[in-house]
């Protein structure tokens, strides 16, 4: 008889089975009591103040009598939806910044369709972002505002601030890739940071598909950690389902993960070829429309926030920013979490918003 079978006791096995069954039954009960309203996300009150094509500029309702005079515009990535920064009431970067007196705006990129197939980075940066910045500047009668760029939106914010430094008072980038030559990071390697089109033929993909399906990108991210993201979390479901709070939190995350907009074909082509494959940002070779991007133009105060265990944006990629700017007011702060932990970790949400608010308040004059 096999050794492990001799070590199993029927009483222990029966007890484990009974306990598992209780958890599953309780979980089914919790699931049956939930409605769509129970897993609402992005619930912090806001109003749309500007709309252009499919993008919407929101202003979150201030919760203090006199918020900081210079507002913050959050620029999120095109991948997934921006409500990750406002996922739930007790773990919302937006809500916490509002409590600390920050006036917060956010760009919602919407869902590109076939009509957006030919949108380029020029349209997004020199068009949408620039127009949103101008709207905020006019509303507040300010020459400059603060930018907070998240992930790919951080890369966009770096490019925008380098092109329009006269419009940016302070720049914050969070888990933002800068040096894309990271062969040990699977996402960069699959994007072609070492062998270019041999890794993925972007031209063929865009020419064949037009817009890049959000489901394709979502699958690509899941395959970076297939066992953990595709199997293990569902094997843990009995433990999660037993607690209604844990279950609701899990469903919120699932809702965000699988809410993946398509990517405008030409924008995807340029971003993958110029940034991932060409690593042109740090080489000073990026051109957005007719505007060259030089990181040396970033003379405003910069706060660089990164995740120490990030598997999507390697810490080295974010930290490289310091090598390409000539800026005396440059601050770096890290958090001991992964990429998603920057949004959902309770400890990070305790420490991150005050770090941002204090940094901004000390530079508002």
Protein backbone atom coordinates (compact mmCIF):
# COMPACT_ATOMS: atom_id res chain seq x y z
CA UNK A 1 0.00 0.00 0.00
CA UNK A 2 1.23 3.51 -0.77
CA UNK A 3 2.67 5.31 2.29
CA UNK A 4 0.44 8.37 2.02
CA UNK A 5 -2.65 6.16 2.02
CA UNK A 6 -1.61 4.49 5.24
CA UNK A 7 -1.23 7.91 6.86
CA UNK A 8 -4.74 9.03 5.98
CA UNK A 9 -7.32 8.60 8.69
CA UNK A 10 -10.92 8.29 7.70
CA UNK A 11 -11.96 10.55 10.55
CA UNK A 12 -9.75 13.37 9.30
CA UNK A 13 -10.91 12.96 5.74
CA UNK A 14 -14.54 12.94 6.79
CA UNK A 15 -14.05 16.06 8.90
CA UNK A 16 -12.35 17.93 6.06
CA UNK A 17 -15.13 16.91 3.67
CA UNK A 18 -17.83 18.08 6.07
CA UNK A 19 -16.09 21.42 6.65
CA UNK A 20 -15.64 21.95 2.90
CA UNK A 21 -19.29 21.13 2.31
CA UNK A 22 -20.34 23.66 4.95
CA UNK A 23 -18.23 26.34 3.28
CA UNK A 24 -19.66 25.57 -0.15
CA UNK A 25 -23.24 25.61 1.15
CA UNK A 26 -22.62 28.92 2.93
CA UNK A 27 -20.99 30.27 -0.21
CA UNK A 28 -23.95 29.31 -2.38
CA UNK A 29 -26.22 31.01 0.12
CA UNK A 30 -24.09 34.18 -0.02
CA UNK A 31 -24.07 34.12 -3.81
CA UNK A 32 -27.84 33.69 -3.99
CA UNK A 33 -28.33 36.76 -1.81
CA UNK A 34 -26.11 39.03 -3.90
CA UNK A 35 -27.37 41.36 -6.61
CA UNK A 36 -25.56 43.45 -9.20
CA UNK A 37 -25.96 46.48 -6.94
CA UNK A 38 -23.92 44.74 -4.25
CA UNK A 39 -20.82 44.65 -6.45
CA UNK A 40 -20.95 48.20 -7.73
CA UNK A 41 -17.58 49.80 -8.37
CA UNK A 42 -16.49 53.34 -9.01
CA UNK A 43 -19.17 54.69 -6.68
CA UNK A 44 -17.47 57.90 -5.48
CA UNK A 45 -19.77 60.76 -6.61
CA UNK A 46 -18.58 62.51 -9.76
CA UNK A 47 -19.85 64.61 -12.62
CA UNK A 48 -18.96 64.63 -16.29
CA UNK A 49 -17.63 68.05 -17.24
CA UNK A 50 -16.28 67.38 -20.73
CA UNK A 51 -16.86 64.80 -23.43
CA UNK A 52 -15.17 64.26 -26.77
CA UNK A 53 -15.86 61.25 -28.98
CA UNK A 54 -15.91 58.33 -26.52
CA UNK A 55 -13.79 59.88 -23.76
CA UNK A 56 -15.31 61.55 -20.72
CA UNK A 57 -13.57 63.85 -18.25
CA UNK A 58 -14.97 63.46 -14.72
CA UNK A 59 -14.56 65.64 -11.67
CA UNK A 60 -15.07 63.89 -8.34
CA UNK A 61 -17.16 65.81 -5.85
CA UNK A 62 -14.86 67.44 -3.25
CA UNK A 63 -15.52 66.40 0.32
CA UNK A 64 -13.63 69.21 2.08
CA UNK A 65 -14.63 72.86 2.09
CA UNK A 66 -11.40 74.16 0.58
CA UNK A 67 -9.60 71.57 -1.55
CA UNK A 68 -6.09 72.11 -2.84
CA UNK A 69 -6.10 75.00 -5.31
CA UNK A 70 -4.29 73.05 -8.04
CA UNK A 71 -6.30 69.96 -9.05
CA UNK A 72 -4.98 66.53 -10.04
CA UNK A 73 -5.86 64.87 -13.33
CA UNK A 74 -5.58 61.06 -13.22
CA UNK A 75 -4.52 59.56 -16.56
CA UNK A 76 -5.17 55.83 -16.51
CA UNK A 77 -4.02 53.15 -18.96
CA UNK A 78 -6.01 52.30 -22.08
CA UNK A 79 -6.03 48.67 -20.95
CA UNK A 80 -8.81 47.77 -18.49
CA UNK A 81 -11.03 50.38 -16.92
CA UNK A 82 -10.01 53.35 -14.73
CA UNK A 83 -12.41 52.55 -11.90
CA UNK A 84 -9.58 50.46 -10.42
CA UNK A 85 -8.55 53.68 -8.65
CA UNK A 86 -12.05 53.79 -7.13
CA UNK A 87 -12.75 50.08 -6.74
CA UNK A 88 -14.57 50.13 -3.41
CA UNK A 89 -15.29 52.65 -0.68
CA UNK A 90 -12.69 51.42 1.82
CA UNK A 91 -9.95 50.88 -0.79
CA UNK A 92 -10.32 53.82 -3.13
CA UNK A 93 -7.35 55.96 -4.08
CA UNK A 94 -9.77 58.61 -5.32
CA UNK A 95 -11.89 58.67 -2.15
CA UNK A 96 -8.81 58.82 0.06
CA UNK A 97 -7.30 61.69 -1.93
CA UNK A 98 -10.58 63.59 -1.69
CA UNK A 99 -10.61 63.16 2.11
CA UNK A 100 -7.12 64.62 2.20
CA UNK A 101 -8.25 67.73 0.35
CA UNK A 102 -7.16 66.93 -3.19
CA UNK A 103 -9.37 68.06 -6.07
CA UNK A 104 -9.48 65.02 -8.39
CA UNK A 105 -10.30 64.69 -12.09
CA UNK A 106 -10.12 61.51 -14.16
CA UNK A 107 -10.20 60.65 -17.87
CA UNK A 108 -12.43 57.70 -18.81
CA UNK A 109 -11.26 56.44 -22.22
CA UNK A 110 -14.49 54.57 -22.90
CA UNK A 111 -14.74 51.59 -25.25
CA UNK A 112 -13.15 52.01 -28.70
CA UNK A 113 -15.13 50.62 -31.62
CA UNK A 114 -14.38 50.09 -35.31
CA UNK A 115 -14.74 53.83 -35.88
CA UNK A 116 -11.69 54.37 -33.64
CA UNK A 117 -9.46 51.99 -35.57
CA UNK A 118 -7.24 54.81 -36.87
CA UNK A 119 -6.79 56.75 -33.63
CA UNK A 120 -3.09 57.31 -32.92
CA UNK A 121 -1.01 58.35 -29.94
CA UNK A 122 -1.20 61.84 -31.42
CA UNK A 123 -4.98 61.74 -30.98
CA UNK A 124 -4.72 60.54 -27.39
CA UNK A 125 -1.92 62.84 -26.16
CA UNK A 126 -2.02 65.98 -28.30
CA UNK A 127 -5.76 65.60 -28.65
CA UNK A 128 -7.71 64.09 -25.76
CA UNK A 129 -5.28 64.58 -22.87
CA UNK A 130 -4.31 68.07 -23.97
CA UNK A 131 -7.95 69.09 -24.37
CA UNK A 132 -8.82 67.75 -20.92
CA UNK A 133 -5.88 69.58 -19.37
CA UNK A 134 -7.01 72.81 -21.06
CA UNK A 135 -10.58 72.36 -19.80
CA UNK A 136 -9.33 72.00 -16.21
CA UNK A 137 -6.95 74.93 -16.57
CA UNK A 138 -9.77 77.14 -17.83
CA UNK A 139 -12.20 76.02 -15.11
CA UNK A 140 -9.71 76.84 -12.37
CA UNK A 141 -8.05 79.82 -14.07
CA UNK A 142 -4.65 78.19 -13.78
CA UNK A 143 -1.66 78.05 -16.12
CA UNK A 144 -0.68 74.60 -14.83
CA UNK A 145 -2.29 71.56 -13.18
CA UNK A 146 -1.03 68.38 -11.52
CA UNK A 147 -0.87 65.08 -13.42
CA UNK A 148 -1.07 61.59 -11.94
CA UNK A 149 -0.37 58.91 -14.55
CA UNK A 150 -1.03 55.25 -13.78
CA UNK A 151 0.73 52.35 -15.55
CA UNK A 152 0.55 53.02 -19.32
CA UNK A 153 -1.13 56.29 -18.36
CA UNK A 154 2.07 57.13 -16.49
CA UNK A 155 4.06 56.68 -19.70
CA UNK A 156 1.51 58.87 -21.48
CA UNK A 157 1.85 61.49 -18.73
CA UNK A 158 5.63 61.51 -19.05
CA UNK A 159 5.31 62.08 -22.79
CA UNK A 160 2.65 64.75 -22.35
CA UNK A 161 4.59 66.63 -19.68
CA UNK A 162 7.72 66.52 -21.83
CA UNK A 163 5.79 68.03 -24.74
CA UNK A 164 3.81 70.55 -22.68
CA UNK A 165 5.92 71.33 -19.57
CA UNK A 166 4.30 74.77 -19.39
CA UNK A 167 0.98 73.11 -18.48
CA UNK A 168 2.15 70.71 -15.77
CA UNK A 169 2.81 71.96 -12.24
CA UNK A 170 3.71 68.63 -10.62
CA UNK A 171 3.98 65.16 -12.16
CA UNK A 172 3.23 61.88 -10.38
CA UNK A 173 3.75 58.54 -12.11
CA UNK A 174 2.64 55.27 -10.56
CA UNK A 175 3.88 51.84 -11.70
CA UNK A 176 4.82 53.49 -15.00
CA UNK A 177 7.13 51.74 -17.50
CA UNK A 178 10.01 53.90 -18.74
CA UNK A 179 12.80 51.55 -19.86
CA UNK A 180 11.04 48.84 -21.84
CA UNK A 181 14.13 46.69 -22.40
CA UNK A 182 13.35 44.26 -19.59
CA UNK A 183 13.99 40.77 -21.01
CA UNK A 184 13.43 39.12 -17.62
CA UNK A 185 9.91 40.55 -17.43
CA UNK A 186 7.63 38.23 -19.38
CA UNK A 187 5.29 40.96 -20.62
CA UNK A 188 8.19 42.91 -22.13
CA UNK A 189 9.76 39.79 -23.62
CA UNK A 190 6.48 38.77 -25.23
CA UNK A 191 6.09 42.30 -26.54
CA UNK A 192 9.38 41.97 -28.38
CA UNK A 193 11.78 44.00 -26.26
CA UNK A 194 14.68 41.79 -27.41
CA UNK A 195 13.78 40.27 -30.79
CA UNK A 196 11.11 42.68 -32.05
CA UNK A 197 8.71 41.38 -34.68
CA UNK A 198 9.99 37.82 -34.23
CA UNK A 199 8.23 37.84 -30.84
CA UNK A 200 5.01 39.37 -32.14
CA UNK A 201 4.32 40.86 -35.57
CA UNK A 202 2.35 43.95 -34.60
CA UNK A 203 1.84 45.08 -38.19
CA UNK A 204 0.32 41.74 -39.17
CA UNK A 205 -1.87 41.70 -36.06
CA UNK A 206 -3.26 45.22 -36.56
CA UNK A 207 -3.68 44.81 -40.31
CA UNK A 208 -5.62 41.58 -39.75
CA UNK A 209 -7.70 42.54 -36.72
CA UNK A 210 -8.06 46.32 -36.91
CA UNK A 211 -8.65 47.03 -33.24
CA UNK A 212 -6.95 44.64 -30.82
CA UNK A 213 -9.63 42.69 -28.91
CA UNK A 214 -9.71 43.32 -25.19
CA UNK A 215 -10.20 39.59 -24.60
CA UNK A 216 -6.90 38.88 -26.35
CA UNK A 217 -5.04 41.31 -24.10
CA UNK A 218 -6.78 39.97 -21.02
CA UNK A 219 -5.76 36.42 -21.90
CA UNK A 220 -2.19 37.60 -22.43
CA UNK A 221 -2.08 39.10 -18.93
CA UNK A 222 -3.59 35.96 -17.39
CA UNK A 223 -1.00 33.77 -19.12
CA UNK A 224 1.81 35.67 -17.42
CA UNK A 225 0.82 33.78 -14.25
CA UNK A 226 -1.45 31.03 -15.57
CA UNK A 227 -1.61 28.80 -12.48
CA UNK A 228 -2.14 31.63 -10.02
CA UNK A 229 -4.52 33.75 -12.10
CA UNK A 230 -6.44 31.05 -13.96
CA UNK A 231 -6.63 28.16 -11.50
CA UNK A 232 -5.48 28.82 -7.95
CA UNK A 233 -7.81 31.71 -7.22
CA UNK A 234 -10.80 29.58 -8.23
CA UNK A 235 -9.57 26.64 -6.16
CA UNK A 236 -9.65 29.04 -3.22
CA UNK A 237 -13.30 29.85 -3.87
CA UNK A 238 -14.73 27.79 -0.96
CA UNK A 239 -12.67 29.87 1.48
CA UNK A 240 -13.70 33.10 -0.26
CA UNK A 241 -17.39 32.28 -0.65
CA UNK A 242 -17.82 31.57 3.04
CA UNK A 243 -17.34 35.26 3.83
CA UNK A 244 -19.76 37.65 2.16
CA UNK A 245 -17.28 40.53 2.35
CA UNK A 246 -14.49 38.48 0.77
CA UNK A 247 -16.88 37.24 -1.88
CA UNK A 248 -18.00 40.75 -2.84
CA UNK A 249 -14.38 41.91 -3.01
CA UNK A 250 -13.51 38.93 -5.21
CA UNK A 251 -16.40 39.64 -7.57
CA UNK A 252 -15.41 43.31 -7.83
CA UNK A 253 -11.94 42.28 -8.92
CA UNK A 254 -13.30 39.74 -11.39
CA UNK A 255 -15.59 42.37 -12.84
CA UNK A 256 -12.65 44.74 -13.36
CA UNK A 257 -10.31 42.05 -14.74
CA UNK A 258 -12.72 40.98 -17.44
CA UNK A 259 -13.94 44.47 -18.33
CA UNK A 260 -11.32 44.88 -21.05
CA UNK A 261 -11.90 47.48 -23.79
CA UNK A 262 -10.57 46.88 -27.28
CA UNK A 263 -7.46 48.86 -28.22
CA UNK A 264 -7.46 51.28 -31.15
CA UNK A 265 -5.37 49.51 -33.78
CA UNK A 266 -2.98 52.31 -34.79
CA UNK A 267 -2.38 53.35 -31.19
CA UNK A 268 -1.55 49.77 -30.25
CA UNK A 269 0.76 49.47 -33.25
CA UNK A 270 2.72 52.59 -32.35
CA UNK A 271 2.90 51.85 -28.64
CA UNK A 272 4.16 48.28 -29.10
CA UNK A 273 6.63 49.12 -31.86
CA UNK A 274 8.02 52.38 -30.50
CA UNK A 275 7.98 51.67 -26.78
CA UNK A 276 8.17 47.90 -26.26
CA UNK A 277 10.18 46.91 -29.31
CA UNK A 278 12.13 50.09 -30.05
CA UNK A 279 12.54 51.35 -26.46
CA UNK A 280 12.52 54.81 -28.01
CA UNK A 281 11.35 56.71 -24.93
CA UNK A 282 14.71 56.59 -23.17
CA UNK A 283 16.52 57.08 -26.48
CA UNK A 284 14.75 60.38 -27.14
CA UNK A 285 13.30 59.05 -30.39
CA UNK A 286 9.58 59.13 -29.62
CA UNK A 287 7.56 61.47 -31.83
CA UNK A 288 3.88 62.08 -31.03
CA UNK A 289 2.30 63.73 -34.06
CA UNK A 290 4.91 66.33 -34.96
CA UNK A 291 6.14 66.71 -31.36
CA UNK A 292 9.38 65.06 -30.20
CA UNK A 293 9.45 63.65 -26.67
CA UNK A 294 12.58 64.33 -24.64
CA UNK A 295 12.57 63.30 -21.00
CA UNK A 296 15.11 66.04 -20.31
CA UNK A 297 12.21 68.50 -20.70
CA UNK A 298 10.71 67.20 -17.45
CA UNK A 299 11.82 70.05 -15.22
CA UNK A 300 8.75 70.08 -12.95
CA UNK A 301 8.76 68.24 -9.57
CA UNK A 302 8.28 64.49 -10.09
CA UNK A 303 7.08 61.78 -7.71
CA UNK A 304 7.82 58.26 -8.97
CA UNK A 305 5.82 55.51 -7.23
CA UNK A 306 6.51 51.85 -7.95
CA UNK A 307 5.65 48.37 -6.67
CA UNK A 308 8.56 46.26 -5.47
CA UNK A 309 6.93 42.95 -6.52
CA UNK A 310 5.46 44.14 -9.81
CA UNK A 311 5.40 41.39 -12.48
CA UNK A 312 3.93 43.66 -15.18
CA UNK A 313 6.13 46.75 -14.81
CA UNK A 314 9.54 45.78 -13.47
CA UNK A 315 10.83 48.13 -10.74
CA UNK A 316 13.95 48.66 -12.87
CA UNK A 317 11.75 49.92 -15.69
CA UNK A 318 10.17 52.59 -13.49
CA UNK A 319 13.38 53.51 -11.67
CA UNK A 320 15.13 54.18 -14.98
CA UNK A 321 13.34 57.53 -15.13
CA UNK A 322 15.90 59.04 -12.77
CA UNK A 323 18.68 58.36 -15.29
CA UNK A 324 17.09 60.41 -18.06
CA UNK A 325 15.87 63.57 -16.35
CA UNK A 326 17.77 66.58 -15.13
CA UNK A 327 15.63 67.42 -12.17
CA UNK A 328 16.61 68.39 -8.63
CA UNK A 329 13.09 67.83 -7.26
CA UNK A 330 12.75 64.13 -7.97
CA UNK A 331 11.26 61.77 -5.36
CA UNK A 332 11.03 57.99 -5.47
CA UNK A 333 8.84 55.90 -3.17
CA UNK A 334 8.20 52.17 -3.28
CA UNK A 335 5.61 49.83 -1.77
CA UNK A 336 6.16 46.11 -0.98
CA UNK A 337 3.33 44.84 -3.18
CA UNK A 338 2.63 43.74 -6.74
CA UNK A 339 1.07 45.72 -9.56
CA UNK A 340 -2.54 45.24 -8.49
CA UNK A 341 -1.62 45.61 -4.84
CA UNK A 342 -0.98 49.31 -5.48
CA UNK A 343 -4.74 49.71 -5.85
CA UNK A 344 -6.29 47.10 -3.55
CA UNK A 345 -3.85 46.55 -0.68
CA UNK A 346 -5.28 47.95 2.52
CA UNK A 347 -1.82 48.87 3.78
CA UNK A 348 -0.97 50.69 0.56
CA UNK A 349 -4.25 52.57 0.61
CA UNK A 350 -3.40 53.63 4.14
CA UNK A 351 0.04 54.96 3.15
CA UNK A 352 -0.15 55.91 -0.53
CA UNK A 353 -2.81 58.65 -0.54
CA UNK A 354 -1.14 60.62 2.31
CA UNK A 355 2.21 60.29 0.53
CA UNK A 356 0.72 61.81 -2.62
CA UNK A 357 -1.27 64.49 -0.78
CA UNK A 358 1.64 65.59 1.42
CA UNK A 359 3.98 65.73 -1.57
CA UNK A 360 1.53 67.87 -3.55
CA UNK A 361 0.69 70.20 -0.67
CA UNK A 362 4.36 70.96 -0.10
CA UNK A 363 4.66 72.01 -3.76
CA UNK A 364 1.48 74.00 -4.33
CA UNK A 365 3.09 77.45 -4.28
